[in-house]
Amino acid sequence: CDWVDRREIVIALGPSGTGKTHVALGLGLA
């Protein structure tokens, strides 16, 4: 979460079903 402290952006790109939401949830939980 250093990137959050630096106020940066993360963008996950990929077709449906490749786990983008899971990764987003995992980073949000962290």
ModelCIF file with pLDDT and N, C-alpha, C, O atoms, coordinates in Angstrom:
data_MODEL
#
_entry.id   MODEL 
#
_entity.id                         1 
_entity.type                       polymer 
_entity.pdbx_number_of_molecules   1 
#
_entity_poly.entity_id                      1 
_entity_poly.type                           'polypeptide(L)' 
_entity_poly.nstd_linkage                   no 
_entity_poly.nstd_monomer                   no 
_entity_poly.pdbx_seq_one_letter_code       CDWVDRREIVIALGPSGTGKTHVALGLGLA 
_entity_poly.pdbx_seq_one_letter_code_can   CDWVDRREIVIALGPSGTGKTHVALGLGLA 
_entity_poly.pdbx_strand_id                 A 
#
loop_
_entity_poly_seq.entity_id 
_entity_poly_seq.num 
_entity_poly_seq.mon_id 
_entity_poly_seq.hetero 
1 1  CYS n 
1 2  ASP n 
1 3  TRP n 
1 4  VAL n 
1 5  ASP n 
1 6  ARG n 
1 7  ARG n 
1 8  GLU n 
1 9  ILE n 
1 10 VAL n 
1 11 ILE n 
1 12 ALA n 
1 13 LEU n 
1 14 GLY n 
1 15 PRO n 
1 16 SER n 
1 17 GLY n 
1 18 THR n 
1 19 GLY n 
1 20 LYS n 
1 21 THR n 
1 22 HIS n 
1 23 VAL n 
1 24 ALA n 
1 25 LEU n 
1 26 GLY n 
1 27 LEU n 
1 28 GLY n 
1 29 LEU n 
1 30 ALA n 
#
_struct_asym.id          A 
_struct_asym.entity_id   1 
#
loop_
_ma_qa_metric.id 
_ma_qa_metric.mode 
_ma_qa_metric.name 
_ma_qa_metric.software_group_id 
_ma_qa_metric.type 
1 global pLDDT . pLDDT 
2 local  pLDDT . pLDDT 
#
_ma_qa_metric_global.metric_id      1 
_ma_qa_metric_global.metric_value   95.17 
_ma_qa_metric_global.model_id       1 
_ma_qa_metric_global.ordinal_id     1 
#
loop_
_ma_qa_metric_local.label_asym_id 
_ma_qa_metric_local.label_comp_id 
_ma_qa_metric_local.label_seq_id 
_ma_qa_metric_local.metric_id 
_ma_qa_metric_local.metric_value 
_ma_qa_metric_local.model_id 
_ma_qa_metric_local.ordinal_id 
A CYS 1  2 97.00 1 1  
A ASP 2  2 97.00 1 2  
A TRP 3  2 97.00 1 3  
A VAL 4  2 97.00 1 4  
A ASP 5  2 96.00 1 5  
A ARG 6  2 96.00 1 6  
A ARG 7  2 95.00 1 7  
A GLU 8  2 96.00 1 8  
A ILE 9  2 96.00 1 9  
A VAL 10 2 97.00 1 10 
A ILE 11 2 96.00 1 11 
A ALA 12 2 96.00 1 12 
A LEU 13 2 95.00 1 13 
A GLY 14 2 93.00 1 14 
A PRO 15 2 92.00 1 15 
A SER 16 2 89.00 1 16 
A GLY 17 2 87.00 1 17 
A THR 18 2 90.00 1 18 
A GLY 19 2 92.00 1 19 
A LYS 20 2 95.00 1 20 
A THR 21 2 95.00 1 21 
A HIS 22 2 96.00 1 22 
A VAL 23 2 97.00 1 23 
A ALA 24 2 97.00 1 24 
A LEU 25 2 97.00 1 25 
A GLY 26 2 97.00 1 26 
A LEU 27 2 98.00 1 27 
A GLY 28 2 97.00 1 28 
A LEU 29 2 96.00 1 29 
A ALA 30 2 96.00 1 30 
#
loop_
_atom_site.group_PDB 
_atom_site.id 
_atom_site.type_symbol 
_atom_site.label_atom_id 
_atom_site.label_alt_id 
_atom_site.label_comp_id 
_atom_site.label_asym_id 
_atom_site.label_entity_id 
_atom_site.label_seq_id 
_atom_site.pdbx_PDB_ins_code 
_atom_site.Cartn_x 
_atom_site.Cartn_y 
_atom_site.Cartn_z 
_atom_site.occupancy 
_atom_site.B_iso_or_equiv 
_atom_site.pdbx_formal_charge 
_atom_site.auth_seq_id 
_atom_site.auth_comp_id 
_atom_site.auth_asym_id 
_atom_site.auth_atom_id 
_atom_site.pdbx_PDB_model_num 
ATOM 1   N N  . CYS A 1 1  ? 0.801   -1.240  0.000   1.00 97.00 ? 1  CYS A N  1 
ATOM 2   C CA . CYS A 1 1  ? 0.000   0.000   0.000   1.00 97.00 ? 1  CYS A CA 1 
ATOM 3   C C  . CYS A 1 1  ? 0.826   1.279   0.000   1.00 97.00 ? 1  CYS A C  1 
ATOM 4   O O  . CYS A 1 1  ? 0.305   2.344   0.330   1.00 97.00 ? 1  CYS A O  1 
ATOM 5   N N  . ASP A 1 2  ? 2.102   1.197   -0.362  1.00 97.00 ? 2  ASP A N  1 
ATOM 6   C CA . ASP A 1 2  ? 2.892   2.422   -0.490  1.00 97.00 ? 2  ASP A CA 1 
ATOM 7   C C  . ASP A 1 2  ? 2.316   3.317   -1.583  1.00 97.00 ? 2  ASP A C  1 
ATOM 8   O O  . ASP A 1 2  ? 2.361   4.543   -1.472  1.00 97.00 ? 2  ASP A O  1 
ATOM 9   N N  . TRP A 1 3  ? 1.774   2.709   -2.637  1.00 97.00 ? 3  TRP A N  1 
ATOM 10  C CA . TRP A 1 3  ? 1.200   3.479   -3.742  1.00 97.00 ? 3  TRP A CA 1 
ATOM 11  C C  . TRP A 1 3  ? -0.015  4.285   -3.283  1.00 97.00 ? 3  TRP A C  1 
ATOM 12  O O  . TRP A 1 3  ? -0.300  5.352   -3.827  1.00 97.00 ? 3  TRP A O  1 
ATOM 13  N N  . VAL A 1 4  ? -0.728  3.768   -2.278  1.00 97.00 ? 4  VAL A N  1 
ATOM 14  C CA . VAL A 1 4  ? -1.869  4.505   -1.740  1.00 97.00 ? 4  VAL A CA 1 
ATOM 15  C C  . VAL A 1 4  ? -1.375  5.748   -1.009  1.00 97.00 ? 4  VAL A C  1 
ATOM 16  O O  . VAL A 1 4  ? -1.948  6.828   -1.154  1.00 97.00 ? 4  VAL A O  1 
ATOM 17  N N  . ASP A 1 5  ? -0.318  5.596   -0.229  1.00 96.00 ? 5  ASP A N  1 
ATOM 18  C CA . ASP A 1 5  ? 0.275   6.749   0.453   1.00 96.00 ? 5  ASP A CA 1 
ATOM 19  C C  . ASP A 1 5  ? 0.770   7.788   -0.553  1.00 96.00 ? 5  ASP A C  1 
ATOM 20  O O  . ASP A 1 5  ? 0.737   8.989   -0.284  1.00 96.00 ? 5  ASP A O  1 
ATOM 21  N N  . ARG A 1 6  ? 1.233   7.311   -1.722  1.00 96.00 ? 6  ARG A N  1 
ATOM 22  C CA . ARG A 1 6  ? 1.742   8.234   -2.747  1.00 96.00 ? 6  ARG A CA 1 
ATOM 23  C C  . ARG A 1 6  ? 0.621   8.792   -3.627  1.00 96.00 ? 6  ARG A C  1 
ATOM 24  O O  . ARG A 1 6  ? 0.874   9.597   -4.523  1.00 96.00 ? 6  ARG A O  1 
ATOM 25  N N  . ARG A 1 7  ? -0.620  8.361   -3.368  1.00 95.00 ? 7  ARG A N  1 
ATOM 26  C CA . ARG A 1 7  ? -1.806  8.838   -4.096  1.00 95.00 ? 7  ARG A CA 1 
ATOM 27  C C  . ARG A 1 7  ? -1.719  8.529   -5.586  1.00 95.00 ? 7  ARG A C  1 
ATOM 28  O O  . ARG A 1 7  ? -2.001  9.376   -6.435  1.00 95.00 ? 7  ARG A O  1 
ATOM 29  N N  . GLU A 1 8  ? -1.328  7.309   -5.875  1.00 96.00 ? 8  GLU A N  1 
ATOM 30  C CA . GLU A 1 8  ? -1.176  6.877   -7.264  1.00 96.00 ? 8  GLU A CA 1 
ATOM 31  C C  . GLU A 1 8  ? -2.391  6.068   -7.728  1.00 96.00 ? 8  GLU A C  1 
ATOM 32  O O  . GLU A 1 8  ? -3.348  5.866   -6.981  1.00 96.00 ? 8  GLU A O  1 
ATOM 33  N N  . ILE A 1 9  ? -2.321  5.618   -8.973  1.00 96.00 ? 9  ILE A N  1 
ATOM 34  C CA . ILE A 1 9  ? -3.425  4.917   -9.631  1.00 96.00 ? 9  ILE A CA 1 
ATOM 35  C C  . ILE A 1 9  ? -3.008  3.484   -9.955  1.00 96.00 ? 9  ILE A C  1 
ATOM 36  O O  . ILE A 1 9  ? -1.857  3.232   -10.310 1.00 96.00 ? 9  ILE A O  1 
ATOM 37  N N  . VAL A 1 10 ? -3.945  2.554   -9.832  1.00 97.00 ? 10 VAL A N  1 
ATOM 38  C CA . VAL A 1 10 ? -3.743  1.187   -10.331 1.00 97.00 ? 10 VAL A CA 1 
ATOM 39  C C  . VAL A 1 10 ? -4.917  0.861   -11.248 1.00 97.00 ? 10 VAL A C  1 
ATOM 40  O O  . VAL A 1 10 ? -6.075  1.081   -10.894 1.00 97.00 ? 10 VAL A O  1 
ATOM 41  N N  . ILE A 1 11 ? -4.607  0.340   -12.419 1.00 96.00 ? 11 ILE A N  1 
ATOM 42  C CA . ILE A 1 11 ? -5.647  -0.065  -13.367 1.00 96.00 ? 11 ILE A CA 1 
ATOM 43  C C  . ILE A 1 11 ? -5.405  -1.516  -13.748 1.00 96.00 ? 11 ILE A C  1 
ATOM 44  O O  . ILE A 1 11 ? -4.320  -1.873  -14.206 1.00 96.00 ? 11 ILE A O  1 
ATOM 45  N N  . ALA A 1 12 ? -6.425  -2.355  -13.557 1.00 96.00 ? 12 ALA A N  1 
ATOM 46  C CA . ALA A 1 12 ? -6.347  -3.771  -13.939 1.00 96.00 ? 12 ALA A CA 1 
ATOM 47  C C  . ALA A 1 12 ? -7.170  -3.963  -15.207 1.00 96.00 ? 12 ALA A C  1 
ATOM 48  O O  . ALA A 1 12 ? -8.366  -3.672  -15.229 1.00 96.00 ? 12 ALA A O  1 
ATOM 49  N N  . LEU A 1 13 ? -6.529  -4.452  -16.256 1.00 95.00 ? 13 LEU A N  1 
ATOM 50  C CA . LEU A 1 13 ? -7.179  -4.634  -17.546 1.00 95.00 ? 13 LEU A CA 1 
ATOM 51  C C  . LEU A 1 13 ? -7.179  -6.101  -17.944 1.00 95.00 ? 13 LEU A C  1 
ATOM 52  O O  . LEU A 1 13 ? -6.173  -6.793  -17.786 1.00 95.00 ? 13 LEU A O  1 
ATOM 53  N N  . GLY A 1 14 ? -8.303  -6.571  -18.459 1.00 93.00 ? 14 GLY A N  1 
ATOM 54  C CA . GLY A 1 14 ? -8.381  -7.953  -18.920 1.00 93.00 ? 14 GLY A CA 1 
ATOM 55  C C  . GLY A 1 14 ? -9.815  -8.362  -19.164 1.00 93.00 ? 14 GLY A C  1 
ATOM 56  O O  . GLY A 1 14 ? -10.736 -7.693  -18.694 1.00 93.00 ? 14 GLY A O  1 
ATOM 57  N N  . PRO A 1 15 ? -10.023 -9.438  -19.884 1.00 92.00 ? 15 PRO A N  1 
ATOM 58  C CA . PRO A 1 15 ? -11.391 -9.887  -20.168 1.00 92.00 ? 15 PRO A CA 1 
ATOM 59  C C  . PRO A 1 15 ? -12.114 -10.348 -18.915 1.00 92.00 ? 15 PRO A C  1 
ATOM 60  O O  . PRO A 1 15 ? -11.512 -10.529 -17.857 1.00 92.00 ? 15 PRO A O  1 
ATOM 61  N N  . SER A 1 16 ? -13.391 -10.530 -19.056 1.00 89.00 ? 16 SER A N  1 
ATOM 62  C CA . SER A 1 16 ? -14.219 -10.955 -17.927 1.00 89.00 ? 16 SER A CA 1 
ATOM 63  C C  . SER A 1 16 ? -13.768 -12.312 -17.394 1.00 89.00 ? 16 SER A C  1 
ATOM 64  O O  . SER A 1 16 ? -13.434 -13.216 -18.160 1.00 89.00 ? 16 SER A O  1 
ATOM 65  N N  . GLY A 1 17 ? -13.765 -12.436 -16.076 1.00 87.00 ? 17 GLY A N  1 
ATOM 66  C CA . GLY A 1 17 ? -13.473 -13.720 -15.450 1.00 87.00 ? 17 GLY A CA 1 
ATOM 67  C C  . GLY A 1 17 ? -12.025 -13.983 -15.148 1.00 87.00 ? 17 GLY A C  1 
ATOM 68  O O  . GLY A 1 17 ? -11.682 -15.094 -14.744 1.00 87.00 ? 17 GLY A O  1 
ATOM 69  N N  . THR A 1 18 ? -11.142 -12.991 -15.329 1.00 90.00 ? 18 THR A N  1 
ATOM 70  C CA . THR A 1 18 ? -9.713  -13.235 -15.117 1.00 90.00 ? 18 THR A CA 1 
ATOM 71  C C  . THR A 1 18 ? -9.227  -12.834 -13.723 1.00 90.00 ? 18 THR A C  1 
ATOM 72  O O  . THR A 1 18 ? -8.024  -12.847 -13.460 1.00 90.00 ? 18 THR A O  1 
ATOM 73  N N  . GLY A 1 19 ? -10.149 -12.481 -12.833 1.00 92.00 ? 19 GLY A N  1 
ATOM 74  C CA . GLY A 1 19 ? -9.765  -12.235 -11.446 1.00 92.00 ? 19 GLY A CA 1 
ATOM 75  C C  . GLY A 1 19 ? -9.483  -10.785 -11.098 1.00 92.00 ? 19 GLY A C  1 
ATOM 76  O O  . GLY A 1 19 ? -8.889  -10.505 -10.057 1.00 92.00 ? 19 GLY A O  1 
ATOM 77  N N  . LYS A 1 20 ? -9.899  -9.861  -11.951 1.00 95.00 ? 20 LYS A N  1 
ATOM 78  C CA . LYS A 1 20 ? -9.627  -8.435  -11.678 1.00 95.00 ? 20 LYS A CA 1 
ATOM 79  C C  . LYS A 1 20 ? -10.297 -7.980  -10.382 1.00 95.00 ? 20 LYS A C  1 
ATOM 80  O O  . LYS A 1 20 ? -9.689  -7.281  -9.572  1.00 95.00 ? 20 LYS A O  1 
ATOM 81  N N  . THR A 1 21 ? -11.547 -8.382  -10.198 1.00 95.00 ? 21 THR A N  1 
ATOM 82  C CA . THR A 1 21 ? -12.269 -7.987  -8.992  1.00 95.00 ? 21 THR A CA 1 
ATOM 83  C C  . THR A 1 21 ? -11.622 -8.592  -7.755  1.00 95.00 ? 21 THR A C  1 
ATOM 84  O O  . THR A 1 21 ? -11.517 -7.931  -6.722  1.00 95.00 ? 21 THR A O  1 
ATOM 85  N N  . HIS A 1 22 ? -11.189 -9.846  -7.856  1.00 96.00 ? 22 HIS A N  1 
ATOM 86  C CA . HIS A 1 22 ? -10.536 -10.507 -6.722  1.00 96.00 ? 22 HIS A CA 1 
ATOM 87  C C  . HIS A 1 22 ? -9.279  -9.742  -6.313  1.00 96.00 ? 22 HIS A C  1 
ATOM 88  O O  . HIS A 1 22 ? -9.054  -9.503  -5.126  1.00 96.00 ? 22 HIS A O  1 
ATOM 89  N N  . VAL A 1 23 ? -8.473  -9.363  -7.280  1.00 97.00 ? 23 VAL A N  1 
ATOM 90  C CA . VAL A 1 23 ? -7.253  -8.606  -6.977  1.00 97.00 ? 23 VAL A CA 1 
ATOM 91  C C  . VAL A 1 23 ? -7.603  -7.260  -6.357  1.00 97.00 ? 23 VAL A C  1 
ATOM 92  O O  . VAL A 1 23 ? -6.953  -6.822  -5.408  1.00 97.00 ? 23 VAL A O  1 
ATOM 93  N N  . ALA A 1 24 ? -8.636  -6.598  -6.895  1.00 97.00 ? 24 ALA A N  1 
ATOM 94  C CA . ALA A 1 24 ? -9.065  -5.312  -6.345  1.00 97.00 ? 24 ALA A CA 1 
ATOM 95  C C  . ALA A 1 24 ? -9.531  -5.465  -4.896  1.00 97.00 ? 24 ALA A C  1 
ATOM 96  O O  . ALA A 1 24 ? -9.206  -4.642  -4.042  1.00 97.00 ? 24 ALA A O  1 
ATOM 97  N N  . LEU A 1 25 ? -10.290 -6.518  -4.632  1.00 97.00 ? 25 LEU A N  1 
ATOM 98  C CA . LEU A 1 25 ? -10.749 -6.779  -3.266  1.00 97.00 ? 25 LEU A CA 1 
ATOM 99  C C  . LEU A 1 25 ? -9.571  -7.069  -2.341  1.00 97.00 ? 25 LEU A C  1 
ATOM 100 O O  . LEU A 1 25 ? -9.537  -6.605  -1.201  1.00 97.00 ? 25 LEU A O  1 
ATOM 101 N N  . GLY A 1 26 ? -8.613  -7.834  -2.837  1.00 97.00 ? 26 GLY A N  1 
ATOM 102 C CA . GLY A 1 26 ? -7.438  -8.156  -2.028  1.00 97.00 ? 26 GLY A CA 1 
ATOM 103 C C  . GLY A 1 26 ? -6.620  -6.924  -1.682  1.00 97.00 ? 26 GLY A C  1 
ATOM 104 O O  . GLY A 1 26 ? -6.154  -6.785  -0.551  1.00 97.00 ? 26 GLY A O  1 
ATOM 105 N N  . LEU A 1 27 ? -6.439  -6.024  -2.650  1.00 98.00 ? 27 LEU A N  1 
ATOM 106 C CA . LEU A 1 27 ? -5.689  -4.797  -2.386  1.00 98.00 ? 27 LEU A CA 1 
ATOM 107 C C  . LEU A 1 27 ? -6.481  -3.865  -1.471  1.00 98.00 ? 27 LEU A C  1 
ATOM 108 O O  . LEU A 1 27 ? -5.904  -3.178  -0.628  1.00 98.00 ? 27 LEU A O  1 
ATOM 109 N N  . GLY A 1 28 ? -7.802  -3.846  -1.640  1.00 97.00 ? 28 GLY A N  1 
ATOM 110 C CA . GLY A 1 28 ? -8.645  -3.040  -0.760  1.00 97.00 ? 28 GLY A CA 1 
ATOM 111 C C  . GLY A 1 28 ? -8.597  -3.546  0.673   1.00 97.00 ? 28 GLY A C  1 
ATOM 112 O O  . GLY A 1 28 ? -8.532  -2.755  1.614   1.00 97.00 ? 28 GLY A O  1 
ATOM 113 N N  . LEU A 1 29 ? -8.628  -4.854  0.839   1.00 96.00 ? 29 LEU A N  1 
ATOM 114 C CA . LEU A 1 29 ? -8.544  -5.454  2.178   1.00 96.00 ? 29 LEU A CA 1 
ATOM 115 C C  . LEU A 1 29 ? -7.200  -5.142  2.819   1.00 96.00 ? 29 LEU A C  1 
ATOM 116 O O  . LEU A 1 29 ? -7.133  -4.833  4.009   1.00 96.00 ? 29 LEU A O  1 
ATOM 117 N N  . ALA A 1 30 ? -6.133  -5.221  2.037   1.00 96.00 ? 30 ALA A N  1 
ATOM 118 C CA . ALA A 1 30 ? -4.802  -4.907  2.557   1.00 96.00 ? 30 ALA A CA 1 
ATOM 119 C C  . ALA A 1 30 ? -4.739  -3.457  3.042   1.00 96.00 ? 30 ALA A C  1 
ATOM 120 O O  . ALA A 1 30 ? -3.694  -3.010  3.515   1.00 96.00 ? 30 ALA A O  1 
#
